[in-house]
C-alpha atoms as a PDB file:
ATOM      1  CA  MET A   1      18.508 -21.440 -31.532  1.00  0.00           C
ATOM      2  CA  VAL A   2      21.652 -19.839 -32.964  1.00  0.00           C
ATOM      3  CA  VAL A   3      19.760 -16.580 -33.529  1.00  0.00           C
ATOM      4  CA  ALA A   4      18.513 -16.559 -29.911  1.00  0.00           C
ATOM      5  CA  ILE A   5      22.037 -17.036 -28.566  1.00  0.00           C
ATOM      6  CA  TYR A   6      23.296 -14.237 -30.819  1.00  0.00           C
ATOM      7  CA  ILE A   7      20.607 -11.841 -29.543  1.00  0.00           C
ATOM      8  CA  LEU A   8      21.478 -12.753 -25.949  1.00  0.00           C
ATOM      9  CA  PHE A   9      25.135 -11.915 -26.574  1.00  0.00           C
ATOM     10  CA  LEU A  10      24.089  -8.590 -28.096  1.00  0.00           C
ATOM     11  CA  ILE A  11      22.071  -7.731 -24.989  1.00  0.00           C
ATOM     12  CA  VAL A  12      24.954  -8.663 -22.706  1.00  0.00           C
ATOM     13  CA  GLY A  13      27.244  -6.544 -24.838  1.00  0.00           C
ATOM     14  CA  VAL A  14      24.991  -3.518 -24.584  1.00  0.00           C
ATOM     15  CA  TYR A  15      24.732  -3.602 -20.794  1.00  0.00           C
ATOM     16  CA  SER A  16      28.109  -5.044 -19.810  1.00  0.00           C
ATOM     17  CA  ASP A  17      29.820  -1.659 -20.174  1.00  0.00           C
ATOM     18  CA  GLN A  18      26.812   0.396 -19.039  1.00  0.00           C
ATOM     19  CA  THR A  19      26.625   1.696 -15.486  1.00  0.00           C
ATOM     20  CA  THR A  20      23.585   0.372 -13.646  1.00  0.00           C
ATOM     21  CA  MET A  21      21.647   1.775 -10.717  1.00  0.00           C
ATOM     22  CA  ASP A  22      21.394   0.144  -7.314  1.00  0.00           C
ATOM     23  CA  VAL A  23      18.148   0.070  -5.308  1.00  0.00           C
ATOM     24  CA  ASP A  24      18.579  -0.526  -1.576  1.00  0.00           C
ATOM     25  CA  ILE A  25      15.668  -1.067   0.813  1.00  0.00           C
ATOM     26  CA  ILE A  26      16.097   1.190   3.857  1.00  0.00           C
ATOM     27  CA  SER A  27      12.926   0.730   5.907  1.00  0.00           C
ATOM     28  CA  PRO A  28      11.176  -1.202   7.254  1.00  0.00           C
ATOM     29  CA  PRO A  29      13.702  -4.017   7.742  1.00  0.00           C
ATOM     30  CA  ASP A  30      12.871  -7.315   6.083  1.00  0.00           C
ATOM     31  CA  GLY A  31      10.462  -9.336   8.225  1.00  0.00           C
ATOM     32  CA  ALA A  32       9.719  -6.435  10.584  1.00  0.00           C
ATOM     33  CA  GLY A  33       6.553  -6.482  12.675  1.00  0.00           C
ATOM     34  CA  VAL A  34       4.890  -3.120  13.345  1.00  0.00           C
ATOM     35  CA  ARG A  35       1.998  -2.172  15.626  1.00  0.00           C
ATOM     36  CA  SER A  36       1.137   1.184  14.063  1.00  0.00           C
ATOM     37  CA  SER A  37       0.056   2.529  10.700  1.00  0.00           C
ATOM     38  CA  PRO A  38       0.580   4.119   8.192  1.00  0.00           C
ATOM     39  CA  VAL A  39       3.835   2.365   7.367  1.00  0.00           C
ATOM     40  CA  GLU A  40       6.498   4.384   5.547  1.00  0.00           C
ATOM     41  CA  LEU A  41       8.398   2.445   2.897  1.00  0.00           C
ATOM     42  CA  ILE A  42      11.837   3.911   2.109  1.00  0.00           C
ATOM     43  CA  ALA A  43      14.333   2.988  -0.607  1.00  0.00           C
ATOM     44  CA  ARG A  44      17.562   4.593  -1.861  1.00  0.00           C
ATOM     45  CA  VAL A  45      18.750   4.723  -5.481  1.00  0.00           C
ATOM     46  CA  THR A  46      22.461   5.142  -6.191  1.00  0.00           C
ATOM     47  CA  VAL A  47      25.064   4.695  -8.907  1.00  0.00           C
ATOM     48  CA  ARG A  48      28.408   3.491  -7.570  1.00  0.00           C
ATOM     49  CA  GLY A  49      27.405   4.792  -4.156  1.00  0.00           C
ATOM     50  CA  VAL A  50      26.376   8.252  -5.399  1.00  0.00           C
ATOM     51  CA  PRO A  51      22.686   9.178  -4.767  1.00  0.00           C
ATOM     52  CA  LEU A  52      20.554   9.753  -7.869  1.00  0.00           C
ATOM     53  CA  THR A  53      17.887  12.450  -7.779  1.00  0.00           C
ATOM     54  CA  ASN A  54      14.623  12.600  -9.736  1.00  0.00           C
ATOM     55  CA  VAL A  55      14.565   8.868 -10.473  1.00  0.00           C
ATOM     56  CA  THR A  56      11.122   7.392 -11.113  1.00  0.00           C
ATOM     57  CA  THR A  57      10.515   4.658  -8.569  1.00  0.00           C
ATOM     58  CA  THR A  58       7.569   2.273  -8.538  1.00  0.00           C
ATOM     59  CA  PHE A  59       6.631   0.733  -5.193  1.00  0.00           C
ATOM     60  CA  THR A  60       4.796  -2.553  -5.676  1.00  0.00           C
ATOM     61  CA  VAL A  61       2.980  -3.779  -2.556  1.00  0.00           C
ATOM     62  CA  TYR A  62       1.284  -7.170  -2.263  1.00  0.00           C
ATOM     63  CA  TYR A  63      -1.432  -7.869   0.298  1.00  0.00           C
ATOM     64  CA  LEU A  64      -3.891 -10.758   0.458  1.00  0.00           C
ATOM     65  CA  THR A  65      -7.130  -8.743   0.540  1.00  0.00           C
ATOM     66  CA  ILE A  66      -6.222  -6.018  -1.968  1.00  0.00           C
ATOM     67  CA  GLY A  67      -3.881  -7.952  -4.232  1.00  0.00           C
ATOM     68  CA  ARG A  68      -1.236  -5.748  -5.833  1.00  0.00           C
ATOM     69  CA  THR A  69      -0.869  -1.972  -5.839  1.00  0.00           C
ATOM     70  CA  ASP A  70       1.689   0.061  -7.810  1.00  0.00           C
ATOM     71  CA  SER A  71       2.583   3.624  -6.759  1.00  0.00           C
ATOM     72  CA  ASP A  72       5.047   5.933  -8.523  1.00  0.00           C
ATOM     73  CA  THR A  73       7.212   8.531  -6.813  1.00  0.00           C
ATOM     74  CA  LYS A  74      10.539  10.317  -7.348  1.00  0.00           C
ATOM     75  CA  THR A  75      13.824  10.227  -5.460  1.00  0.00           C
ATOM     76  CA  ASP A  76      14.940  13.382  -3.628  1.00  0.00           C
ATOM     77  CA  LYS A  77      18.404  14.975  -3.590  1.00  0.00           C
ATOM     78  CA  ASP A  78      19.648  12.172  -1.343  1.00  0.00           C
ATOM     79  CA  GLY A  79      18.394   9.474  -3.679  1.00  0.00           C
ATOM     80  CA  ILE A  80      15.581   8.605  -1.240  1.00  0.00           C
ATOM     81  CA  ALA A  81      12.120   7.526  -2.383  1.00  0.00           C
ATOM     82  CA  ARG A  82       9.247   7.223   0.111  1.00  0.00           C
ATOM     83  CA  LEU A  83       5.740   5.822   0.113  1.00  0.00           C
ATOM     84  CA  LEU A  84       3.202   6.076   2.929  1.00  0.00           C
ATOM     85  CA  VAL A  85       0.998   2.959   3.140  1.00  0.00           C
ATOM     86  CA  PRO A  86      -2.159   3.039   5.316  1.00  0.00           C
ATOM     87  CA  ALA A  87      -1.751  -0.640   6.091  1.00  0.00           C
ATOM     88  CA  THR A  88      -4.315  -2.646   8.040  1.00  0.00           C
ATOM     89  CA  SER A  89      -3.438  -5.760  10.067  1.00  0.00           C
ATOM     90  CA  GLY A  90      -1.853  -8.496   7.979  1.00  0.00           C
ATOM     91  CA  ASN A  91       1.242  -9.616   6.106  1.00  0.00           C
ATOM     92  CA  TYR A  92       2.750  -7.610   3.254  1.00  0.00           C
ATOM     93  CA  SER A  93       5.530  -8.011   0.700  1.00  0.00           C
ATOM     94  CA  TRP A  94       6.970  -5.234  -1.445  1.00  0.00           C
ATOM     95  CA  GLN A  95       9.678  -4.267  -3.902  1.00  0.00           C
ATOM     96  CA  VAL A  96      10.876  -1.156  -5.705  1.00  0.00           C
ATOM     97  CA  ALA A  97      11.693  -0.636  -9.387  1.00  0.00           C
ATOM     98  CA  ALA A  98      13.858   2.302 -10.506  1.00  0.00           C
ATOM     99  CA  MET A  99      13.731   3.801 -14.001  1.00  0.00           C
ATOM    100  CA  ARG A 100      15.724   6.663 -15.491  1.00  0.00           C
ATOM    101  CA  GLU A 101      16.714   7.554 -19.034  1.00  0.00           C
ATOM    102  CA  GLY A 102      20.188   6.322 -19.863  1.00  0.00           C
ATOM    103  CA  TYR A 103      20.086   3.454 -17.350  1.00  0.00           C
ATOM    104  CA  PRO A 104      18.564  -0.008 -17.536  1.00  0.00           C
ATOM    105  CA  LYS A 105      15.559  -0.604 -15.271  1.00  0.00           C
ATOM    106  CA  ILE A 106      16.516  -2.175 -11.958  1.00  0.00           C
ATOM    107  CA  VAL A 107      14.259  -3.946  -9.452  1.00  0.00           C
ATOM    108  CA  SER A 108      15.078  -4.501  -5.780  1.00  0.00           C
ATOM    109  CA  ARG A 109      14.732  -7.768  -3.980  1.00  0.00           C
ATOM    110  CA  SER A 110      11.343  -8.456  -2.433  1.00  0.00           C
ATOM    111  CA  ARG A 111      10.967  -7.587   1.256  1.00  0.00           C
ATOM    112  CA  SER A 112       8.190  -8.262   3.781  1.00  0.00           C
ATOM    113  CA  PHE A 113       6.624  -6.788   6.898  1.00  0.00           C
ATOM    114  CA  SER A 114       3.598  -7.509   9.068  1.00  0.00           C
ATOM    115  CA  VAL A 115       1.134  -5.200  10.807  1.00  0.00           C
ATOM    116  CA  GLU A 116      -0.888  -5.845  13.975  1.00  0.00           C
ATOM    117  CA  LEU A 117      -3.327  -3.143  15.040  1.00  0.00           C
ATOM    118  CA  LEU A 118      -5.405  -3.227  18.243  1.00  0.00           C
ATOM    119  CA  LEU A 119      -7.250   0.078  17.863  1.00  0.00           C
ATOM    120  CA  ALA A 120     -10.205   0.654  15.549  1.00  0.00           C
ATOM    121  CA  VAL A 121     -10.460   4.051  13.830  1.00  0.00           C
ATOM    122  CA  GLU A 122     -13.746   5.108  12.226  1.00  0.00           C
ATOM    123  CA  PRO A 123     -13.755   8.073   9.819  1.00  0.00           C
ATOM    124  CA  LEU A 124     -16.828  10.171  10.706  1.00  0.00           C
ATOM    125  CA  SER A 125     -16.499  13.260   8.523  1.00  0.00           C
ATOM    126  CA  PRO A 126     -16.064  14.400   5.841  1.00  0.00           C
ATOM    127  CA  SER A 127     -17.781  11.607   3.942  1.00  0.00           C
ATOM    128  CA  THR A 128     -18.146  10.702   0.302  1.00  0.00           C
ATOM    129  CA  PHE A 129     -21.874  11.360   0.475  1.00  0.00           C
ATOM    130  CA  ARG A 130     -21.866  15.086   1.272  1.00  0.00           C
ATOM    131  CA  LEU A 131     -20.145  18.065  -0.281  1.00  0.00           C
ATOM    132  CA  ALA A 132     -17.525  19.518   2.091  1.00  0.00           C
ATOM    133  CA  VAL A 133     -16.815  23.217   2.574  1.00  0.00           C
ATOM    134  CA  SER A 134     -13.394  24.683   3.392  1.00  0.00           C
ATOM    135  CA  PRO A 135     -12.208  24.816   6.113  1.00  0.00           C
ATOM    136  CA  VAL A 136     -13.078  21.134   6.401  1.00  0.00           C
ATOM    137  CA  ASN A 137     -13.893  19.678   9.807  1.00  0.00           C
ATOM    138  CA  PHE A 138     -12.325  16.213  10.156  1.00  0.00           C
ATOM    139  CA  ARG A 139     -13.687  13.851  12.819  1.00  0.00           C
ATOM    140  CA  ALA A 140     -12.612  10.305  13.690  1.00  0.00           C
ATOM    141  CA  ARG A 141     -13.659   7.910  16.466  1.00  0.00           C
ATOM    142  CA  VAL A 142     -11.201   5.556  18.194  1.00  0.00           C
ATOM    143  CA  THR A 143     -12.321   2.403  20.002  1.00  0.00           C
ATOM    144  CA  GLY A 144     -10.496  -0.521  21.586  1.00  0.00           C
ATOM    145  CA  MET A 145     -10.865  -4.238  20.960  1.00  0.00           C
ATOM    146  CA  ASN A 146     -13.776  -4.220  23.418  1.00  0.00           C
ATOM    147  CA  GLY A 147     -15.610  -1.610  21.369  1.00  0.00           C
ATOM    148  CA  ARG A 148     -15.321   1.076  24.037  1.00  0.00           C
ATOM    149  CA  PRO A 149     -14.173   4.630  23.202  1.00  0.00           C
ATOM    150  CA  VAL A 150     -10.473   5.299  23.805  1.00  0.00           C
ATOM    151  CA  GLN A 151      -9.762   8.612  25.527  1.00  0.00           C
ATOM    152  CA  SER A 152      -6.537  10.604  25.001  1.00  0.00           C
ATOM    153  CA  ALA A 153      -5.491   8.630  21.921  1.00  0.00           C
ATOM    154  CA  ASN A 154      -3.342  10.683  19.548  1.00  0.00           C
ATOM    155  CA  VAL A 155      -5.102  10.876  16.174  1.00  0.00           C
ATOM    156  CA  THR A 156      -3.208  12.044  13.090  1.00  0.00           C
ATOM    157  CA  PHE A 157      -5.138  13.163  10.018  1.00  0.00           C
ATOM    158  CA  TYR A 158      -3.886  12.725   6.448  1.00  0.00           C
ATOM    159  CA  VAL A 159      -5.221  14.329   3.265  1.00  0.00           C
ATOM    160  CA  ASP A 160      -3.968  13.046  -0.089  1.00  0.00           C
ATOM    161  CA  SER A 161      -1.352  11.017   1.845  1.00  0.00           C
ATOM    162  CA  MET A 162       0.054  14.162   3.501  1.00  0.00           C
ATOM    163  CA  MET A 163      -0.186  14.712   7.259  1.00  0.00           C
ATOM    164  CA  ILE A 164      -2.247  17.832   8.046  1.00  0.00           C
ATOM    165  CA  GLY A 165      -2.217  17.724  11.867  1.00  0.00           C
ATOM    166  CA  SER A 166      -3.199  15.761  14.947  1.00  0.00           C
ATOM    167  CA  ASN A 167      -5.352  15.972  18.058  1.00  0.00           C
ATOM    168  CA  LEU A 168      -6.347  13.912  21.102  1.00  0.00           C
ATOM    169  CA  THR A 169      -9.613  12.052  21.528  1.00  0.00           C
ATOM    170  CA  GLY A 170     -12.094  13.123  24.180  1.00  0.00           C
ATOM    171  CA  GLN A 171     -14.148  10.958  26.529  1.00  0.00           C
ATOM    172  CA  ASN A 172     -16.310   9.891  23.595  1.00  0.00           C
ATOM    173  CA  GLY A 173     -13.243   8.669  21.694  1.00  0.00           C
ATOM    174  CA  ILE A 174     -13.629  11.357  19.015  1.00  0.00           C
ATOM    175  CA  ALA A 175     -10.835  13.620  17.766  1.00  0.00           C
ATOM    176  CA  GLN A 176     -11.418  16.648  15.553  1.00  0.00           C
ATOM    177  CA  LEU A 177      -9.295  18.843  13.309  1.00  0.00           C
ATOM    178  CA  SER A 178     -10.181  21.749  11.027  1.00  0.00           C
ATOM    179  CA  LYS A 179      -8.140  22.431   7.889  1.00  0.00           C
ATOM    180  CA  ALA A 180      -8.511  24.759   4.904  1.00  0.00           C
ATOM    181  CA  LEU A 181      -8.346  22.855   1.595  1.00  0.00           C
ATOM    182  CA  THR A 182      -8.513  23.721  -2.068  1.00  0.00           C
ATOM    183  CA  MET A 183     -11.638  22.963  -4.070  1.00  0.00           C
ATOM    184  CA  GLY A 184     -11.740  19.619  -5.805  1.00  0.00           C
ATOM    185  CA  ARG A 185     -11.398  15.930  -5.104  1.00  0.00           C
ATOM    186  CA  HIS A 186      -9.404  14.671  -2.107  1.00  0.00           C
ATOM    187  CA  THR A 187      -8.894  11.541  -0.024  1.00  0.00           C
ATOM    188  CA  TRP A 188      -8.346  11.308   3.714  1.00  0.00           C
ATOM    189  CA  PHE A 189      -7.647   8.807   6.460  1.00  0.00           C
ATOM    190  CA  ALA A 190      -6.712   8.940  10.135  1.00  0.00           C
ATOM    191  CA  SER A 191      -4.337   6.942  12.302  1.00  0.00           C
ATOM    192  CA  ALA A 192      -4.431   6.567  16.079  1.00  0.00           C
ATOM    193  CA  GLY A 193      -1.912   5.624  18.726  1.00  0.00           C
ATOM    194  CA  LYS A 194      -1.862   5.151  22.472  1.00  0.00           C
ATOM    195  CA  GLU A 195       0.560   3.338  24.782  1.00  0.00           C
ATOM    196  CA  GLY A 196       2.330   1.581  21.932  1.00  0.00           C
ATOM    197  CA  GLU A 197      -0.808   0.366  20.167  1.00  0.00           C
ATOM    198  CA  GLY A 198      -2.133   1.740  16.901  1.00  0.00           C
ATOM    199  CA  GLY A 199      -4.975   1.777  14.435  1.00  0.00           C
ATOM    200  CA  ILE A 200      -5.866   3.093  10.980  1.00  0.00           C
ATOM    201  CA  SER A 201      -9.110   4.112   9.306  1.00  0.00           C
ATOM    202  CA  ASP A 202     -10.310   3.322   5.824  1.00  0.00           C
ATOM    203  CA  THR A 203      -9.435   5.876   3.143  1.00  0.00           C
ATOM    204  CA  THR A 204     -12.390   8.115   2.258  1.00  0.00           C
ATOM    205  CA  LEU A 205     -12.889  10.100  -0.936  1.00  0.00           C
ATOM    206  CA  PHE A 206     -14.575  13.501  -0.599  1.00  0.00           C
ATOM    207  CA  VAL A 207     -15.130  16.669  -2.602  1.00  0.00           C
ATOM    208  CA  VAL A 208     -14.587  20.254  -1.413  1.00  0.00           C
ATOM    209  CA  GLY A 209     -16.798  22.975  -2.899  1.00  0.00           C
ATOM    210  CA  GLU A 210     -18.550  26.215  -2.020  1.00  0.00           C
ATOM    211  CA  PHE A 211     -22.098  26.488  -0.732  1.00  0.00           C
ATOM    212  CA  ALA A 212     -24.305  28.775  -2.766  1.00  0.00           C
ATOM    213  CA  SER A 213     -26.839  29.119   0.054  1.00  0.00           C
ATOM    214  CA  LEU A 214     -27.640  27.779   3.501  1.00  0.00           C
ATOM    215  CA  GLY A 215     -29.598  24.914   2.018  1.00  0.00           C
ATOM    216  CA  THR A 216     -27.607  23.798  -0.997  1.00  0.00           C
ATOM    217  CA  GLY A 217     -24.043  23.628  -2.151  1.00  0.00           C
ATOM    218  CA  SER A 218     -22.473  23.389  -5.557  1.00  0.00           C
ATOM    219  CA  LEU A 219     -19.067  22.730  -7.052  1.00  0.00           C
ATOM    220  CA  ARG A 220     -18.089  23.449 -10.638  1.00  0.00           C
ATOM    221  CA  LEU A 221     -15.535  20.908 -11.855  1.00  0.00           C
ATOM    222  CA  LEU A 222     -14.056  20.009 -15.191  1.00  0.00           C
ATOM    223  CA  ARG A 223     -15.125  16.530 -16.188  1.00  0.00           C
ATOM    224  CA  SER A 224     -11.501  15.355 -16.076  1.00  0.00           C
ATOM    225  CA  GLU A 225     -11.282  16.316 -12.399  1.00  0.00           C
ATOM    226  CA  LEU A 226     -14.133  13.941 -11.595  1.00  0.00           C
ATOM    227  CA  ARG A 227     -12.765  11.079 -13.648  1.00  0.00           C
ATOM    228  CA  ARG A 228     -12.324   8.748 -10.688  1.00  0.00           C
ATOM    229  CA  VAL A 229     -15.555   9.636  -8.870  1.00  0.00           C
ATOM    230  CA  SER A 230     -18.508   7.514  -9.922  1.00  0.00           C
ATOM    231  CA  ARG A 231     -22.120   8.333  -9.191  1.00  0.00           C
ATOM    232  CA  ASN A 232     -22.210   5.382  -6.791  1.00  0.00           C
ATOM    233  CA  ASP A 233     -19.307   6.952  -4.868  1.00  0.00           C
ATOM    234  CA  LEU A 234     -21.144  10.259  -4.597  1.00  0.00           C
ATOM    235  CA  GLY A 235     -24.249   8.641  -3.137  1.00  0.00           C
ATOM    236  CA  THR A 236     -27.855   9.760  -3.100  1.00  0.00           C
ATOM    237  CA  ALA A 237     -27.179  12.919  -1.051  1.00  0.00           C
ATOM    238  CA  MET A 238     -25.238  14.391  -3.981  1.00  0.00           C
ATOM    239  CA  ARG A 239     -26.502  14.629  -7.515  1.00  0.00           C
ATOM    240  CA  VAL A 240     -24.474  15.198 -10.664  1.00  0.00           C
ATOM    241  CA  GLU A 241     -25.609  17.651 -13.334  1.00  0.00           C
ATOM    242  CA  GLU A 242     -23.754  17.666 -16.658  1.00  0.00           C
ATOM    243  CA  PHE A 243     -23.851  20.937 -18.602  1.00  0.00           C
ATOM    244  CA  TRP A 244     -23.187  20.836 -22.312  1.00  0.00           C
ATOM    245  CA  PRO A 245     -21.321  23.436 -24.389  1.00  0.00           C
ATOM    246  CA  SER A 246     -23.600  25.961 -26.132  1.00  0.00           C
ATOM    247  CA  GLN A 247     -22.100  25.296 -29.529  1.00  0.00           C
ATOM    248  CA  ARG A 248     -23.175  21.642 -29.258  1.00  0.00           C
ATOM    249  CA  ARG A 249     -26.791  22.427 -28.279  1.00  0.00           C
ATOM    250  CA  THR A 250     -29.590  21.618 -30.672  1.00  0.00           C
ATOM    251  CA  ASP A 251     -33.329  21.414 -30.353  1.00  0.00           C
ATOM    252  CA  GLY A 252     -32.808  17.850 -29.206  1.00  0.00           C
ATOM    253  CA  CYS A 253     -30.400  18.635 -26.317  1.00  0.00           C
ATOM    254  CA  PRO A 254     -31.135  21.981 -24.614  1.00  0.00           C
ATOM    255  CA  GLY A 255     -28.065  22.211 -22.413  1.00  0.00           C
ATOM    256  CA  ARG A 256     -28.498  18.938 -20.556  1.00  0.00           C
ATOM    257  CA  ARG A 257     -27.962  15.283 -21.379  1.00  0.00           C
ATOM    258  CA  PRO A 258     -28.323  14.998 -25.167  1.00  0.00           C
ATOM    259  CA  SER A 259     -30.885  13.059 -27.145  1.00  0.00           C
ATOM    260  CA  ALA A 260     -29.886  10.546 -29.767  1.00  0.00           C
ATOM    261  CA  SER A 261     -29.349  13.347 -32.276  1.00  0.00           C
ATOM    262  CA  CYS A 262     -26.306  14.664 -30.368  1.00  0.00           C
ATOM    263  CA  GLU A 263     -25.195  11.715 -28.261  1.00  0.00           C
ATOM    264  CA  GLN A 264     -21.545  12.199 -29.217  1.00  0.00           C
ATOM    265  CA  ALA A 265     -21.322  15.608 -27.539  1.00  0.00           C
ATOM    266  CA  GLU A 266     -19.162  16.026 -24.415  1.00  0.00           C
ATOM    267  CA  PRO A 267     -20.152  18.057 -21.331  1.00  0.00           C
ATOM    268  CA  SER A 268     -18.185  21.263 -20.742  1.00  0.00           C
ATOM    269  CA  PHE A 269     -18.313  20.922 -16.988  1.00  0.00           C
ATOM    270  CA  ILE A 270     -19.961  19.039 -14.139  1.00  0.00           C
ATOM    271  CA  LEU A 271     -21.871  20.591 -11.281  1.00  0.00           C
ATOM    272  CA  LEU A 272     -22.166  18.761  -7.970  1.00  0.00           C
ATOM    273  CA  ARG A 273     -24.962  19.677  -5.621  1.00  0.00           C
ATOM    274  CA  ALA A 274     -25.535  18.586  -2.052  1.00  0.00           C
ATOM    275  CA  ASP A 275     -27.468  19.761   0.963  1.00  0.00           C
ATOM    276  CA  SER A 276     -25.500  21.279   3.856  1.00  0.00           C
ATOM    277  CA  ARG A 277     -27.022  19.383   6.733  1.00  0.00           C
ATOM    278  CA  PRO A 278     -24.386  17.877   9.082  1.00  0.00           C
END
């Protein structure tokens, strides 16, 4: 018991004279109700009122259906950290932790907000199940609570949580946008708004490659780039071929998946193939 009290006094002594950071929640206000999505979470990190730049901030968001998510970002020159959350209808709570060398970690108070969306947004393309080619054609359908297409809704498209542009829906409730993207793995979602009501689509993972011919397409990726894409995610329309380094090849593994004699070998790259039908 005496030892524990002594350690506690040591800790207090270390931090009593050390300047600590402050984390203030800027937006949305605590208890706010919003009718659009994505929701931008904003916090400011300061020391004695002076903004701190390049501070690692972790946004922790709690939601009933997804549990807990943690997302890291950095503060800008004004000490502001932001996170864009494609939130569906429901109640959320969140907090922000700030960490920087030379300062003790500080965690903000928990805040809450709620989301109510009356528009449904369906991501049509690109999909996880087909290889995309740049420029990528994004398509999303917007419907109302009655299931009917919503015309002239403003649809905003996001790739890797960054807005890439927007367009209006036609009579069929579909909005389109074309955007050039780099090869590799990406995610996208779309939000919609009309007359004060909003909606958000699910987030879709897709892969951008180059078609080798009119009938097939292929994408050469390092294995590390495909770390988060499982074969189930890729679907039956896309097959994965693993090519093995020549120096590892033996009679038992001629450039493809190895036999038991070389099962410890690692593939040098992964080739994705998919047909180009729309």
